[in-house]
C-alpha cells in the first residue's frame, strides 16, 4: 500500500508521544525516521518504529533524556545521550559539531549512551545549509564477522559524508561498511527471497544465500564479501567507525554494543555506555572561499555526470542522486510499505489507540 508522507509522519509522531517523548523530540524523531523512507532506505524508516517501542518497553530507551555535553574543547566534544532515542541524540550532537565549526573552522563530536540513530545521511546533511561538509558515523549491533572470522564482532557501522555544491545537488555518500545493511536482509526476508552471494556467511563461516542466515547464527560480511574482493578493507572501515564512535566517547564497542532487537539482552558486563556515534562539520571557508569551492564541486560533479556509461546503463550516478530522485517522487506519490510492515504498524497503532 501507498501512504502519504504526512499520514506516516503524524502516525509516527503520535506513537512517539504515546511512549512519553516530548512534542519537539517526537517531531524530530519522526522527521529523521521518515527521511529514510523518502530516500528509499526503507530498512531504516517506519519499519523500525516498533523496534524502538519494544526497546522503550524493556527500559532500554529513555523517552525524556537529559542530553548534555560532558567534555569539550573549542573544536571537540563528547555528548552523553542519557539513553535517549538516537533519532534525537544524533541531531543534537551534529548541531554541536556545526556550532563549533562556526567558531573554530571544524567541529568534532563523539557520542555515548545513545541508541540506533536512523540513516547516517540525515545527520551529515545538516551541515549543508551552513556551507559545511558533514560527516556522520555510528556503531551498531554486532552482526558482522571480520575477515577470516566466524565471530560477530562489528556492526554494519555506516559512514555518511555530505558535501555542498553551488547549482548542482550536493554530493551525499551514505553507506554501510558491510556488503549490505541488515535492513536489506530484513526486506528480503519479508519478500521470502534469497540474498546475493557475498552478503552473508553461515554459522560455520561459509558464504550462503539464505537471507535468514544471520538469524540462524551466521553473520553479515564486510564490504567486499571475501578477501579476494577486498573484505579486509570493509572490515577496516567498520573498525574505524567503531573506534571513532565508541572507544573515543566511552560507548560500548565491538561485541559489547547492545543489540537493537529487544528480545536479546545487552552484555551483562558492558565496557561502556550505550551505542556510540561520531560527527564532523568542516566549514568550507576554513579551507578556501565557499563560492570557489562550490563552483569547483559543480565542475567535479558535472564532469563525472558526463562520463560515458557502460553498455546497458543510461548514466553515471553521483552519490546521493538515487535517494534525491526518489525523495522528490515519494513526496508527491507517497511511500510504499510492504504488507508485513503495514500490518506491524497497524498492530502497533491498535495497541496505542493511533489509527494508521
C-alpha atoms as a PDB file:
ATOM      1  CA  UNK A   1       0.000   0.000   0.000  1.00  0.00           C
ATOM      2  CA  UNK A   2       0.985   3.614  -0.571  1.00  0.00           C
ATOM      3  CA  UNK A   3       0.832   6.129   2.279  1.00  0.00           C
ATOM      4  CA  UNK A   4       1.399   9.871   2.169  1.00  0.00           C
ATOM      5  CA  UNK A   5       4.381  11.345   3.972  1.00  0.00           C
ATOM      6  CA  UNK A   6       2.024  13.454   6.099  1.00  0.00           C
ATOM      7  CA  UNK A   7      -0.020  10.450   7.257  1.00  0.00           C
ATOM      8  CA  UNK A   8       3.050   8.395   8.160  1.00  0.00           C
ATOM      9  CA  UNK A   9       4.644  11.375   9.898  1.00  0.00           C
ATOM     10  CA  UNK A  10       1.525  12.010  12.003  1.00  0.00           C
ATOM     11  CA  UNK A  11       1.248   8.310  12.874  1.00  0.00           C
ATOM     12  CA  UNK A  12       4.914   8.036  13.856  1.00  0.00           C
ATOM     13  CA  UNK A  13       4.834  11.210  15.903  1.00  0.00           C
ATOM     14  CA  UNK A  14       1.662  10.087  17.693  1.00  0.00           C
ATOM     15  CA  UNK A  15       3.224   6.754  18.657  1.00  0.00           C
ATOM     16  CA  UNK A  16       6.332   8.517  19.977  1.00  0.00           C
ATOM     17  CA  UNK A  17       4.163  10.887  22.015  1.00  0.00           C
ATOM     18  CA  UNK A  18       2.352   7.856  23.456  1.00  0.00           C
ATOM     19  CA  UNK A  19       5.624   6.454  24.808  1.00  0.00           C
ATOM     20  CA  UNK A  20       6.360   9.762  26.523  1.00  0.00           C
ATOM     21  CA  UNK A  21       8.553  11.703  24.106  1.00  0.00           C
ATOM     22  CA  UNK A  22       8.179  15.488  24.396  1.00  0.00           C
ATOM     23  CA  UNK A  23       6.462  17.180  21.450  1.00  0.00           C
ATOM     24  CA  UNK A  24       9.685  18.587  19.978  1.00  0.00           C
ATOM     25  CA  UNK A  25      11.533  15.271  20.276  1.00  0.00           C
ATOM     26  CA  UNK A  26       8.644  13.309  18.767  1.00  0.00           C
ATOM     27  CA  UNK A  27       8.533  15.636  15.749  1.00  0.00           C
ATOM     28  CA  UNK A  28      12.288  15.456  15.254  1.00  0.00           C
ATOM     29  CA  UNK A  29      12.431  11.679  15.615  1.00  0.00           C
ATOM     30  CA  UNK A  30       9.554  11.244  13.157  1.00  0.00           C
ATOM     31  CA  UNK A  31      11.323  13.529  10.675  1.00  0.00           C
ATOM     32  CA  UNK A  32      14.559  11.535  10.926  1.00  0.00           C
ATOM     33  CA  UNK A  33      12.757   8.208  10.618  1.00  0.00           C
ATOM     34  CA  UNK A  34      10.613   9.259   7.632  1.00  0.00           C
ATOM     35  CA  UNK A  35      13.619  10.752   5.848  1.00  0.00           C
ATOM     36  CA  UNK A  36      14.785   7.168   5.345  1.00  0.00           C
ATOM     37  CA  UNK A  37      11.510   6.125   3.704  1.00  0.00           C
ATOM     38  CA  UNK A  38      11.520   9.203   1.481  1.00  0.00           C
ATOM     39  CA  UNK A  39      15.057   8.478   0.307  1.00  0.00           C
ATOM     40  CA  UNK A  40      14.339   4.824  -0.386  1.00  0.00           C
ATOM     41  CA  UNK A  41      16.220   3.437   2.618  1.00  0.00           C
ATOM     42  CA  UNK A  42      13.078   1.547   3.650  1.00  0.00           C
ATOM     43  CA  UNK A  43      15.006  -0.678   6.048  1.00  0.00           C
ATOM     44  CA  UNK A  44      15.679   2.294   8.362  1.00  0.00           C
ATOM     45  CA  UNK A  45      12.322   4.057   8.233  1.00  0.00           C
ATOM     46  CA  UNK A  46       8.935   3.359   9.791  1.00  0.00           C
ATOM     47  CA  UNK A  47       9.672  -0.360   9.552  1.00  0.00           C
ATOM     48  CA  UNK A  48      11.893   0.234  12.606  1.00  0.00           C
ATOM     49  CA  UNK A  49       9.280   2.083  14.679  1.00  0.00           C
ATOM     50  CA  UNK A  50       8.004  -0.943  16.580  1.00  0.00           C
ATOM     51  CA  UNK A  51      11.616  -1.891  17.360  1.00  0.00           C
ATOM     52  CA  UNK A  52      12.155   1.422  19.146  1.00  0.00           C
ATOM     53  CA  UNK A  53       8.894   0.937  21.051  1.00  0.00           C
ATOM     54  CA  UNK A  54       9.947  -2.534  22.188  1.00  0.00           C
ATOM     55  CA  UNK A  55      13.266  -1.160  23.440  1.00  0.00           C
ATOM     56  CA  UNK A  56      11.373   1.523  25.350  1.00  0.00           C
ATOM     57  CA  UNK A  57       9.123  -1.148  26.893  1.00  0.00           C
ATOM     58  CA  UNK A  58      12.247  -3.024  28.025  1.00  0.00           C
ATOM     59  CA  UNK A  59      13.562   0.139  29.685  1.00  0.00           C
ATOM     60  CA  UNK A  60      16.427   0.441  27.235  1.00  0.00           C
ATOM     61  CA  UNK A  61      15.315   3.746  25.688  1.00  0.00           C
ATOM     62  CA  UNK A  62      14.754   6.881  27.759  1.00  0.00           C
ATOM     63  CA  UNK A  63      11.885   8.897  26.243  1.00  0.00           C
ATOM     64  CA  UNK A  64      12.869  12.056  28.157  1.00  0.00           C
ATOM     65  CA  UNK A  65      16.679  12.128  28.104  1.00  0.00           C
ATOM     66  CA  UNK A  66      18.866  14.872  29.506  1.00  0.00           C
ATOM     67  CA  UNK A  67      21.275  15.105  26.564  1.00  0.00           C
ATOM     68  CA  UNK A  68      24.376  17.028  27.506  1.00  0.00           C
ATOM     69  CA  UNK A  69      27.997  17.789  26.698  1.00  0.00           C
ATOM     70  CA  UNK A  70      30.252  16.077  29.247  1.00  0.00           C
ATOM     71  CA  UNK A  71      33.651  17.099  27.873  1.00  0.00           C
ATOM     72  CA  UNK A  72      34.718  19.696  25.310  1.00  0.00           C
ATOM     73  CA  UNK A  73      37.402  21.885  23.790  1.00  0.00           C
ATOM     74  CA  UNK A  74      36.932  24.696  21.281  1.00  0.00           C
ATOM     75  CA  UNK A  75      36.574  22.259  18.389  1.00  0.00           C
ATOM     76  CA  UNK A  76      35.648  18.931  20.043  1.00  0.00           C
ATOM     77  CA  UNK A  77      33.058  17.497  22.411  1.00  0.00           C
ATOM     78  CA  UNK A  78      31.733  14.303  23.939  1.00  0.00           C
ATOM     79  CA  UNK A  79      27.941  14.121  24.248  1.00  0.00           C
ATOM     80  CA  UNK A  80      26.096  11.842  26.688  1.00  0.00           C
ATOM     81  CA  UNK A  81      22.750  10.851  25.170  1.00  0.00           C
ATOM     82  CA  UNK A  82      21.313   9.646  28.515  1.00  0.00           C
ATOM     83  CA  UNK A  83      19.850   6.547  26.829  1.00  0.00           C
ATOM     84  CA  UNK A  84      17.635   8.610  24.534  1.00  0.00           C
ATOM     85  CA  UNK A  85      16.426   7.829  21.048  1.00  0.00           C
ATOM     86  CA  UNK A  86      19.384   8.064  18.697  1.00  0.00           C
ATOM     87  CA  UNK A  87      16.950   9.848  16.368  1.00  0.00           C
ATOM     88  CA  UNK A  88      17.039  12.752  18.846  1.00  0.00           C
ATOM     89  CA  UNK A  89      20.538  12.407  20.324  1.00  0.00           C
ATOM     90  CA  UNK A  90      22.292  12.441  16.952  1.00  0.00           C
ATOM     91  CA  UNK A  91      20.856  15.751  15.646  1.00  0.00           C
ATOM     92  CA  UNK A  92      21.749  17.363  18.989  1.00  0.00           C
ATOM     93  CA  UNK A  93      25.348  16.199  18.657  1.00  0.00           C
ATOM     94  CA  UNK A  94      25.609  17.147  14.981  1.00  0.00           C
ATOM     95  CA  UNK A  95      24.386  20.635  15.851  1.00  0.00           C
ATOM     96  CA  UNK A  96      27.147  20.874  18.468  1.00  0.00           C
ATOM     97  CA  UNK A  97      29.674  19.985  15.754  1.00  0.00           C
ATOM     98  CA  UNK A  98      28.210  22.660  13.449  1.00  0.00           C
ATOM     99  CA  UNK A  99      28.256  25.305  16.190  1.00  0.00           C
ATOM    100  CA  UNK A 100      31.881  24.523  16.982  1.00  0.00           C
ATOM    101  CA  UNK A 101      32.815  24.672  13.303  1.00  0.00           C
ATOM    102  CA  UNK A 102      31.302  28.165  13.079  1.00  0.00           C
ATOM    103  CA  UNK A 103      33.870  29.275  15.651  1.00  0.00           C
ATOM    104  CA  UNK A 104      36.883  27.030  15.145  1.00  0.00           C
ATOM    105  CA  UNK A 105      36.552  26.103  11.458  1.00  0.00           C
ATOM    106  CA  UNK A 106      35.857  22.444  12.241  1.00  0.00           C
ATOM    107  CA  UNK A 107      33.833  20.647  14.887  1.00  0.00           C
ATOM    108  CA  UNK A 108      34.147  17.015  16.011  1.00  0.00           C
ATOM    109  CA  UNK A 109      31.748  15.289  18.373  1.00  0.00           C
ATOM    110  CA  UNK A 110      31.784  11.738  19.722  1.00  0.00           C
ATOM    111  CA  UNK A 111      28.670  10.380  21.445  1.00  0.00           C
ATOM    112  CA  UNK A 112      27.999   7.746  24.090  1.00  0.00           C
ATOM    113  CA  UNK A 113      24.883   6.355  25.810  1.00  0.00           C
ATOM    114  CA  UNK A 114      22.733   6.576  22.670  1.00  0.00           C
ATOM    115  CA  UNK A 115      20.651   4.193  20.543  1.00  0.00           C
ATOM    116  CA  UNK A 116      20.078   3.479  16.836  1.00  0.00           C
ATOM    117  CA  UNK A 117      20.049   6.849  15.041  1.00  0.00           C
ATOM    118  CA  UNK A 118      18.288   6.118  11.740  1.00  0.00           C
ATOM    119  CA  UNK A 119      20.062   6.841   8.457  1.00  0.00           C
ATOM    120  CA  UNK A 120      23.538   8.312   8.746  1.00  0.00           C
ATOM    121  CA  UNK A 121      22.940  10.680   5.835  1.00  0.00           C
ATOM    122  CA  UNK A 122      20.281  12.723   7.656  1.00  0.00           C
ATOM    123  CA  UNK A 123      22.786  13.946  10.218  1.00  0.00           C
ATOM    124  CA  UNK A 124      25.608  14.590   7.756  1.00  0.00           C
ATOM    125  CA  UNK A 125      23.250  16.639   5.558  1.00  0.00           C
ATOM    126  CA  UNK A 126      22.512  19.018   8.439  1.00  0.00           C
ATOM    127  CA  UNK A 127      25.846  20.711   7.626  1.00  0.00           C
ATOM    128  CA  UNK A 128      24.911  21.578   4.033  1.00  0.00           C
ATOM    129  CA  UNK A 129      22.803  24.653   4.869  1.00  0.00           C
ATOM    130  CA  UNK A 130      25.835  26.174   6.599  1.00  0.00           C
ATOM    131  CA  UNK A 131      28.276  25.766   3.683  1.00  0.00           C
ATOM    132  CA  UNK A 132      29.910  22.962   5.616  1.00  0.00           C
ATOM    133  CA  UNK A 133      30.919  19.393   4.884  1.00  0.00           C
ATOM    134  CA  UNK A 134      29.137  16.975   7.208  1.00  0.00           C
ATOM    135  CA  UNK A 135      30.361  13.594   8.414  1.00  0.00           C
ATOM    136  CA  UNK A 136      28.277  11.032  10.317  1.00  0.00           C
ATOM    137  CA  UNK A 137      29.335   7.636  11.698  1.00  0.00           C
ATOM    138  CA  UNK A 138      27.773   5.179  14.135  1.00  0.00           C
ATOM    139  CA  UNK A 139      28.489   1.748  15.511  1.00  0.00           C
ATOM    140  CA  UNK A 140      25.710  -0.824  15.719  1.00  0.00           C
ATOM    141  CA  UNK A 141      24.668  -4.259  16.955  1.00  0.00           C
ATOM    142  CA  UNK A 142      27.402  -6.885  16.383  1.00  0.00           C
ATOM    143  CA  UNK A 143      26.204  -8.812  13.331  1.00  0.00           C
ATOM    144  CA  UNK A 144      29.360  -8.686  11.222  1.00  0.00           C
ATOM    145  CA  UNK A 145      32.305 -11.081  11.187  1.00  0.00           C
ATOM    146  CA  UNK A 146      35.740  -9.625  10.458  1.00  0.00           C
ATOM    147  CA  UNK A 147      37.623 -11.155   7.539  1.00  0.00           C
ATOM    148  CA  UNK A 148      38.578 -14.789   8.361  1.00  0.00           C
ATOM    149  CA  UNK A 149      36.365 -14.842  11.487  1.00  0.00           C
ATOM    150  CA  UNK A 150      33.272 -16.835  12.484  1.00  0.00           C
ATOM    151  CA  UNK A 151      32.508 -14.481  15.386  1.00  0.00           C
ATOM    152  CA  UNK A 152      30.219 -11.462  15.089  1.00  0.00           C
ATOM    153  CA  UNK A 153      32.284  -8.563  16.406  1.00  0.00           C
ATOM    154  CA  UNK A 154      31.216  -5.436  14.485  1.00  0.00           C
ATOM    155  CA  UNK A 155      28.052  -3.686  13.372  1.00  0.00           C
ATOM    156  CA  UNK A 156      27.137  -2.539   9.882  1.00  0.00           C
ATOM    157  CA  UNK A 157      28.785   0.721  11.037  1.00  0.00           C
ATOM    158  CA  UNK A 158      27.771   3.221   8.320  1.00  0.00           C
ATOM    159  CA  UNK A 159      29.670   6.219   7.012  1.00  0.00           C
ATOM    160  CA  UNK A 160      27.944   9.287   5.545  1.00  0.00           C
ATOM    161  CA  UNK A 161      29.582  12.355   4.029  1.00  0.00           C
ATOM    162  CA  UNK A 162      27.622  15.339   2.660  1.00  0.00           C
ATOM    163  CA  UNK A 163      29.387  17.970   0.534  1.00  0.00           C
ATOM    164  CA  UNK A 164      27.723  21.177  -0.724  1.00  0.00           C
ATOM    165  CA  UNK A 165      27.802  22.348  -4.333  1.00  0.00           C
ATOM    166  CA  UNK A 166      26.575  25.547  -5.996  1.00  0.00           C
ATOM    167  CA  UNK A 167      23.994  24.773  -8.701  1.00  0.00           C
ATOM    168  CA  UNK A 168      24.395  21.008  -8.677  1.00  0.00           C
ATOM    169  CA  UNK A 169      22.693  18.935  -5.953  1.00  0.00           C
ATOM    170  CA  UNK A 170      25.024  18.106  -3.055  1.00  0.00           C
ATOM    171  CA  UNK A 171      27.281  15.069  -3.060  1.00  0.00           C
ATOM    172  CA  UNK A 172      25.867  12.712  -0.398  1.00  0.00           C
ATOM    173  CA  UNK A 173      27.526   9.346   0.216  1.00  0.00           C
ATOM    174  CA  UNK A 174      25.695   7.195   2.779  1.00  0.00           C
ATOM    175  CA  UNK A 175      26.750   3.574   3.068  1.00  0.00           C
ATOM    176  CA  UNK A 176      27.176   0.653   5.405  1.00  0.00           C
ATOM    177  CA  UNK A 177      30.651  -0.824   5.729  1.00  0.00           C
ATOM    178  CA  UNK A 178      29.156  -4.255   5.022  1.00  0.00           C
ATOM    179  CA  UNK A 179      28.301  -5.559   1.566  1.00  0.00           C
ATOM    180  CA  UNK A 180      24.662  -4.905   2.525  1.00  0.00           C
ATOM    181  CA  UNK A 181      22.942  -3.433   5.570  1.00  0.00           C
ATOM    182  CA  UNK A 182      20.996  -5.814   7.814  1.00  0.00           C
ATOM    183  CA  UNK A 183      17.812  -3.941   6.951  1.00  0.00           C
ATOM    184  CA  UNK A 184      18.163  -5.085   3.341  1.00  0.00           C
ATOM    185  CA  UNK A 185      18.202  -8.666   4.572  1.00  0.00           C
ATOM    186  CA  UNK A 186      15.036  -7.942   6.541  1.00  0.00           C
ATOM    187  CA  UNK A 187      13.373  -6.730   3.341  1.00  0.00           C
ATOM    188  CA  UNK A 188      14.402  -9.932   1.538  1.00  0.00           C
ATOM    189  CA  UNK A 189      13.038 -11.971   4.449  1.00  0.00           C
ATOM    190  CA  UNK A 190       9.677 -10.191   4.192  1.00  0.00           C
ATOM    191  CA  UNK A 191       9.647 -10.949   0.458  1.00  0.00           C
ATOM    192  CA  UNK A 192      10.797 -14.541   1.092  1.00  0.00           C
ATOM    193  CA  UNK A 193      13.759 -14.070  -1.256  1.00  0.00           C
ATOM    194  CA  UNK A 194      17.359 -15.282  -1.178  1.00  0.00           C
ATOM    195  CA  UNK A 195      20.296 -12.945  -0.601  1.00  0.00           C
ATOM    196  CA  UNK A 196      23.007 -12.430  -3.215  1.00  0.00           C
ATOM    197  CA  UNK A 197      26.224 -14.354  -2.623  1.00  0.00           C
ATOM    198  CA  UNK A 198      28.695 -12.213  -0.666  1.00  0.00           C
ATOM    199  CA  UNK A 199      26.197 -10.727   1.782  1.00  0.00           C
ATOM    200  CA  UNK A 200      26.070 -13.424   4.473  1.00  0.00           C
ATOM    201  CA  UNK A 201      28.041 -16.328   5.883  1.00  0.00           C
ATOM    202  CA  UNK A 202      26.554 -19.237   7.818  1.00  0.00           C
ATOM    203  CA  UNK A 203      27.419 -20.335  11.351  1.00  0.00           C
ATOM    204  CA  UNK A 204      30.444 -22.261  10.043  1.00  0.00           C
ATOM    205  CA  UNK A 205      31.837 -19.274   8.147  1.00  0.00           C
ATOM    206  CA  UNK A 206      30.757 -20.392   4.680  1.00  0.00           C
ATOM    207  CA  UNK A 207      29.065 -17.984   2.288  1.00  0.00           C
ATOM    208  CA  UNK A 208      25.327 -18.564   1.915  1.00  0.00           C
ATOM    209  CA  UNK A 209      22.383 -17.086   0.015  1.00  0.00           C
ATOM    210  CA  UNK A 210      19.971 -17.753   2.902  1.00  0.00           C
ATOM    211  CA  UNK A 211      18.514 -14.345   3.817  1.00  0.00           C
ATOM    212  CA  UNK A 212      17.818 -15.787   7.298  1.00  0.00           C
ATOM    213  CA  UNK A 213      21.463 -16.814   7.692  1.00  0.00           C
ATOM    214  CA  UNK A 214      22.202 -14.250  10.394  1.00  0.00           C
ATOM    215  CA  UNK A 215      19.152 -15.364  12.389  1.00  0.00           C
ATOM    216  CA  UNK A 216      20.497 -18.914  12.201  1.00  0.00           C
ATOM    217  CA  UNK A 217      23.789 -17.957  13.839  1.00  0.00           C
ATOM    218  CA  UNK A 218      25.677 -16.709  10.797  1.00  0.00           C
ATOM    219  CA  UNK A 219      26.940 -13.187  10.149  1.00  0.00           C
ATOM    220  CA  UNK A 220      26.901 -10.311   7.718  1.00  0.00           C
ATOM    221  CA  UNK A 221      30.079  -9.913   5.684  1.00  0.00           C
ATOM    222  CA  UNK A 222      32.246  -6.792   5.497  1.00  0.00           C
ATOM    223  CA  UNK A 223      32.147  -4.737   2.302  1.00  0.00           C
ATOM    224  CA  UNK A 224      33.780  -6.871  -0.368  1.00  0.00           C
ATOM    225  CA  UNK A 225      32.376 -10.193   0.821  1.00  0.00           C
ATOM    226  CA  UNK A 226      35.658 -12.096   0.915  1.00  0.00           C
ATOM    227  CA  UNK A 227      39.384 -11.351   0.983  1.00  0.00           C
ATOM    228  CA  UNK A 228      39.762 -11.746  -2.782  1.00  0.00           C
ATOM    229  CA  UNK A 229      37.190  -8.993  -3.298  1.00  0.00           C
ATOM    230  CA  UNK A 230      38.567  -6.696  -0.586  1.00  0.00           C
ATOM    231  CA  UNK A 231      36.613  -7.631   2.546  1.00  0.00           C
ATOM    232  CA  UNK A 232      39.653  -6.667   4.629  1.00  0.00           C
ATOM    233  CA  UNK A 233      39.011  -3.079   3.507  1.00  0.00           C
ATOM    234  CA  UNK A 234      35.368  -3.201   4.577  1.00  0.00           C
ATOM    235  CA  UNK A 235      36.475  -4.724   7.876  1.00  0.00           C
ATOM    236  CA  UNK A 236      38.984  -1.909   8.403  1.00  0.00           C
ATOM    237  CA  UNK A 237      36.389   0.770   7.614  1.00  0.00           C
ATOM    238  CA  UNK A 238      33.909  -0.771  10.075  1.00  0.00           C
ATOM    239  CA  UNK A 239      36.613  -0.926  12.722  1.00  0.00           C
ATOM    240  CA  UNK A 240      37.474   2.762  12.225  1.00  0.00           C
ATOM    241  CA  UNK A 241      33.810   3.704  12.667  1.00  0.00           C
ATOM    242  CA  UNK A 242      33.613   1.620  15.854  1.00  0.00           C
ATOM    243  CA  UNK A 243      36.721   3.229  17.342  1.00  0.00           C
ATOM    244  CA  UNK A 244      35.741   6.812  16.465  1.00  0.00           C
ATOM    245  CA  UNK A 245      32.170   6.306  17.677  1.00  0.00           C
ATOM    246  CA  UNK A 246      32.751   4.367  20.868  1.00  0.00           C
ATOM    247  CA  UNK A 247      36.336   3.888  22.021  1.00  0.00           C
ATOM    248  CA  UNK A 248      36.721   7.656  21.681  1.00  0.00           C
ATOM    249  CA  UNK A 249      33.489   8.535  23.515  1.00  0.00           C
ATOM    250  CA  UNK A 250      33.099   5.849  26.188  1.00  0.00           C
ATOM    251  CA  UNK A 251      30.282   3.940  24.479  1.00  0.00           C
ATOM    252  CA  UNK A 252      30.212   0.178  24.028  1.00  0.00           C
ATOM    253  CA  UNK A 253      32.248  -1.156  21.120  1.00  0.00           C
ATOM    254  CA  UNK A 254      32.705  -4.380  19.171  1.00  0.00           C
ATOM    255  CA  UNK A 255      30.737  -7.341  20.603  1.00  0.00           C
ATOM    256  CA  UNK A 256      29.606  -5.313  23.640  1.00  0.00           C
ATOM    257  CA  UNK A 257      27.338  -2.996  21.613  1.00  0.00           C
ATOM    258  CA  UNK A 258      23.750  -3.586  22.810  1.00  0.00           C
ATOM    259  CA  UNK A 259      21.508  -5.325  20.246  1.00  0.00           C
ATOM    260  CA  UNK A 260      18.747  -3.357  18.532  1.00  0.00           C
ATOM    261  CA  UNK A 261      16.281  -6.215  18.980  1.00  0.00           C
ATOM    262  CA  UNK A 262      14.578  -6.125  22.376  1.00  0.00           C
ATOM    263  CA  UNK A 263      14.420  -9.912  22.792  1.00  0.00           C
ATOM    264  CA  UNK A 264      18.220 -10.072  23.110  1.00  0.00           C
ATOM    265  CA  UNK A 265      19.689  -8.696  26.335  1.00  0.00           C
ATOM    266  CA  UNK A 266      22.751  -6.419  26.373  1.00  0.00           C
ATOM    267  CA  UNK A 267      26.028  -7.897  27.596  1.00  0.00           C
ATOM    268  CA  UNK A 268      25.903  -8.091  31.418  1.00  0.00           C
ATOM    269  CA  UNK A 269      29.480  -6.761  31.571  1.00  0.00           C
ATOM    270  CA  UNK A 270      29.495  -3.712  29.281  1.00  0.00           C
ATOM    271  CA  UNK A 271      32.690  -1.825  28.504  1.00  0.00           C
ATOM    272  CA  UNK A 272      30.886   1.483  28.033  1.00  0.00           C
ATOM    273  CA  UNK A 273      27.512   3.209  27.870  1.00  0.00           C
ATOM    274  CA  UNK A 274      25.007   2.526  25.070  1.00  0.00           C
ATOM    275  CA  UNK A 275      25.749   2.936  21.378  1.00  0.00           C
ATOM    276  CA  UNK A 276      28.253   5.445  20.060  1.00  0.00           C
ATOM    277  CA  UNK A 277      28.233   7.955  17.185  1.00  0.00           C
ATOM    278  CA  UNK A 278      30.765  10.344  15.680  1.00  0.00           C
ATOM    279  CA  UNK A 279      30.077  13.598  13.820  1.00  0.00           C
ATOM    280  CA  UNK A 280      32.184  16.108  11.974  1.00  0.00           C
ATOM    281  CA  UNK A 281      31.441  19.515  10.477  1.00  0.00           C
ATOM    282  CA  UNK A 282      34.024  21.370   8.381  1.00  0.00           C
ATOM    283  CA  UNK A 283      33.442  24.958   7.335  1.00  0.00           C
ATOM    284  CA  UNK A 284      34.391  25.175   3.666  1.00  0.00           C
ATOM    285  CA  UNK A 285      35.726  28.711   4.026  1.00  0.00           C
ATOM    286  CA  UNK A 286      38.191  27.427   6.601  1.00  0.00           C
ATOM    287  CA  UNK A 287      39.975  25.996   3.544  1.00  0.00           C
ATOM    288  CA  UNK A 288      39.049  28.276   0.625  1.00  0.00           C
ATOM    289  CA  UNK A 289      36.247  30.731  -0.248  1.00  0.00           C
ATOM    290  CA  UNK A 290      32.978  28.822  -0.174  1.00  0.00           C
ATOM    291  CA  UNK A 291      31.808  30.080  -3.586  1.00  0.00           C
ATOM    292  CA  UNK A 292      35.062  28.980  -5.208  1.00  0.00           C
ATOM    293  CA  UNK A 293      34.793  25.544  -3.647  1.00  0.00           C
ATOM    294  CA  UNK A 294      31.143  25.084  -4.599  1.00  0.00           C
ATOM    295  CA  UNK A 295      31.818  26.206  -8.180  1.00  0.00           C
ATOM    296  CA  UNK A 296      34.555  23.593  -8.433  1.00  0.00           C
ATOM    297  CA  UNK A 297      32.248  20.990  -6.875  1.00  0.00           C
ATOM    298  CA  UNK A 298      29.786  21.838  -9.677  1.00  0.00           C
ATOM    299  CA  UNK A 299      32.605  21.261 -12.147  1.00  0.00           C
ATOM    300  CA  UNK A 300      33.601  17.982 -10.456  1.00  0.00           C
ATOM    301  CA  UNK A 301      30.033  16.683 -10.415  1.00  0.00           C
ATOM    302  CA  UNK A 302      29.348  17.894 -13.952  1.00  0.00           C
ATOM    303  CA  UNK A 303      32.398  16.117 -15.364  1.00  0.00           C
ATOM    304  CA  UNK A 304      31.500  12.857 -13.654  1.00  0.00           C
ATOM    305  CA  UNK A 305      27.948  13.131 -14.990  1.00  0.00           C
ATOM    306  CA  UNK A 306      29.428  13.333 -18.494  1.00  0.00           C
ATOM    307  CA  UNK A 307      31.333  10.070 -18.068  1.00  0.00           C
ATOM    308  CA  UNK A 308      30.490   7.533 -20.755  1.00  0.00           C
ATOM    309  CA  UNK A 309      28.254   4.856 -19.210  1.00  0.00           C
ATOM    310  CA  UNK A 310      28.871   1.165 -19.712  1.00  0.00           C
ATOM    311  CA  UNK A 311      26.613  -0.795 -22.029  1.00  0.00           C
ATOM    312  CA  UNK A 312      23.106  -1.169 -20.663  1.00  0.00           C
ATOM    313  CA  UNK A 313      23.388   1.804 -18.294  1.00  0.00           C
ATOM    314  CA  UNK A 314      21.890   5.189 -19.052  1.00  0.00           C
ATOM    315  CA  UNK A 315      24.156   7.381 -16.959  1.00  0.00           C
ATOM    316  CA  UNK A 316      26.847   7.543 -14.307  1.00  0.00           C
ATOM    317  CA  UNK A 317      25.387   8.342 -10.900  1.00  0.00           C
ATOM    318  CA  UNK A 318      26.735  10.820  -8.372  1.00  0.00           C
ATOM    319  CA  UNK A 319      26.413   9.685  -4.725  1.00  0.00           C
ATOM    320  CA  UNK A 320      23.075  10.967  -3.494  1.00  0.00           C
ATOM    321  CA  UNK A 321      21.349  11.001  -6.906  1.00  0.00           C
ATOM    322  CA  UNK A 322      19.111   7.926  -6.460  1.00  0.00           C
ATOM    323  CA  UNK A 323      17.975   8.974  -2.974  1.00  0.00           C
ATOM    324  CA  UNK A 324      17.291  12.577  -4.032  1.00  0.00           C
ATOM    325  CA  UNK A 325      15.315  11.496  -7.104  1.00  0.00           C
ATOM    326  CA  UNK A 326      13.268   9.009  -5.095  1.00  0.00           C
ATOM    327  CA  UNK A 327      12.549  11.584  -2.385  1.00  0.00           C
ATOM    328  CA  UNK A 328      11.164  14.001  -4.982  1.00  0.00           C
ATOM    329  CA  UNK A 329       8.926  11.231  -6.313  1.00  0.00           C
ATOM    330  CA  UNK A 330       7.737   9.913  -2.953  1.00  0.00           C
ATOM    331  CA  UNK A 331       6.871  13.344  -1.588  1.00  0.00           C
ATOM    332  CA  UNK A 332       4.314  13.538  -4.404  1.00  0.00           C
ATOM    333  CA  UNK A 333       3.217   9.948  -4.997  1.00  0.00           C
ATOM    334  CA  UNK A 334       3.586   8.609  -1.449  1.00  0.00           C
ATOM    335  CA  UNK A 335       5.628   5.986   0.372  1.00  0.00           C
ATOM    336  CA  UNK A 336       5.050   2.284  -0.376  1.00  0.00           C
ATOM    337  CA  UNK A 337       5.045  -0.146   2.549  1.00  0.00           C
ATOM    338  CA  UNK A 338       5.442  -3.894   2.279  1.00  0.00           C
ATOM    339  CA  UNK A 339       2.451  -5.788   3.682  1.00  0.00           C
ATOM    340  CA  UNK A 340       4.341  -7.138   6.766  1.00  0.00           C
ATOM    341  CA  UNK A 341       5.422  -3.568   7.635  1.00  0.00           C
ATOM    342  CA  UNK A 342       1.906  -2.219   7.180  1.00  0.00           C
ATOM    343  CA  UNK A 343       0.474  -4.994   9.370  1.00  0.00           C
ATOM    344  CA  UNK A 344       3.121  -4.359  12.028  1.00  0.00           C
ATOM    345  CA  UNK A 345       2.301  -0.635  12.104  1.00  0.00           C
ATOM    346  CA  UNK A 346      -1.457  -1.245  12.261  1.00  0.00           C
ATOM    347  CA  UNK A 347      -0.925  -3.644  15.167  1.00  0.00           C
ATOM    348  CA  UNK A 348       1.238  -1.031  16.895  1.00  0.00           C
ATOM    349  CA  UNK A 349      -1.410   1.609  16.300  1.00  0.00           C
ATOM    350  CA  UNK A 350      -4.136  -0.588  17.798  1.00  0.00           C
ATOM    351  CA  UNK A 351      -2.078  -1.057  20.971  1.00  0.00           C
ATOM    352  CA  UNK A 352      -1.675   2.680  21.456  1.00  0.00           C
ATOM    353  CA  UNK A 353      -5.009   3.861  20.044  1.00  0.00           C
ATOM    354  CA  UNK A 354      -3.464   5.521  16.994  1.00  0.00           C
ATOM    355  CA  UNK A 355      -5.051   4.990  13.557  1.00  0.00           C
ATOM    356  CA  UNK A 356      -2.843   4.452  10.512  1.00  0.00           C
END
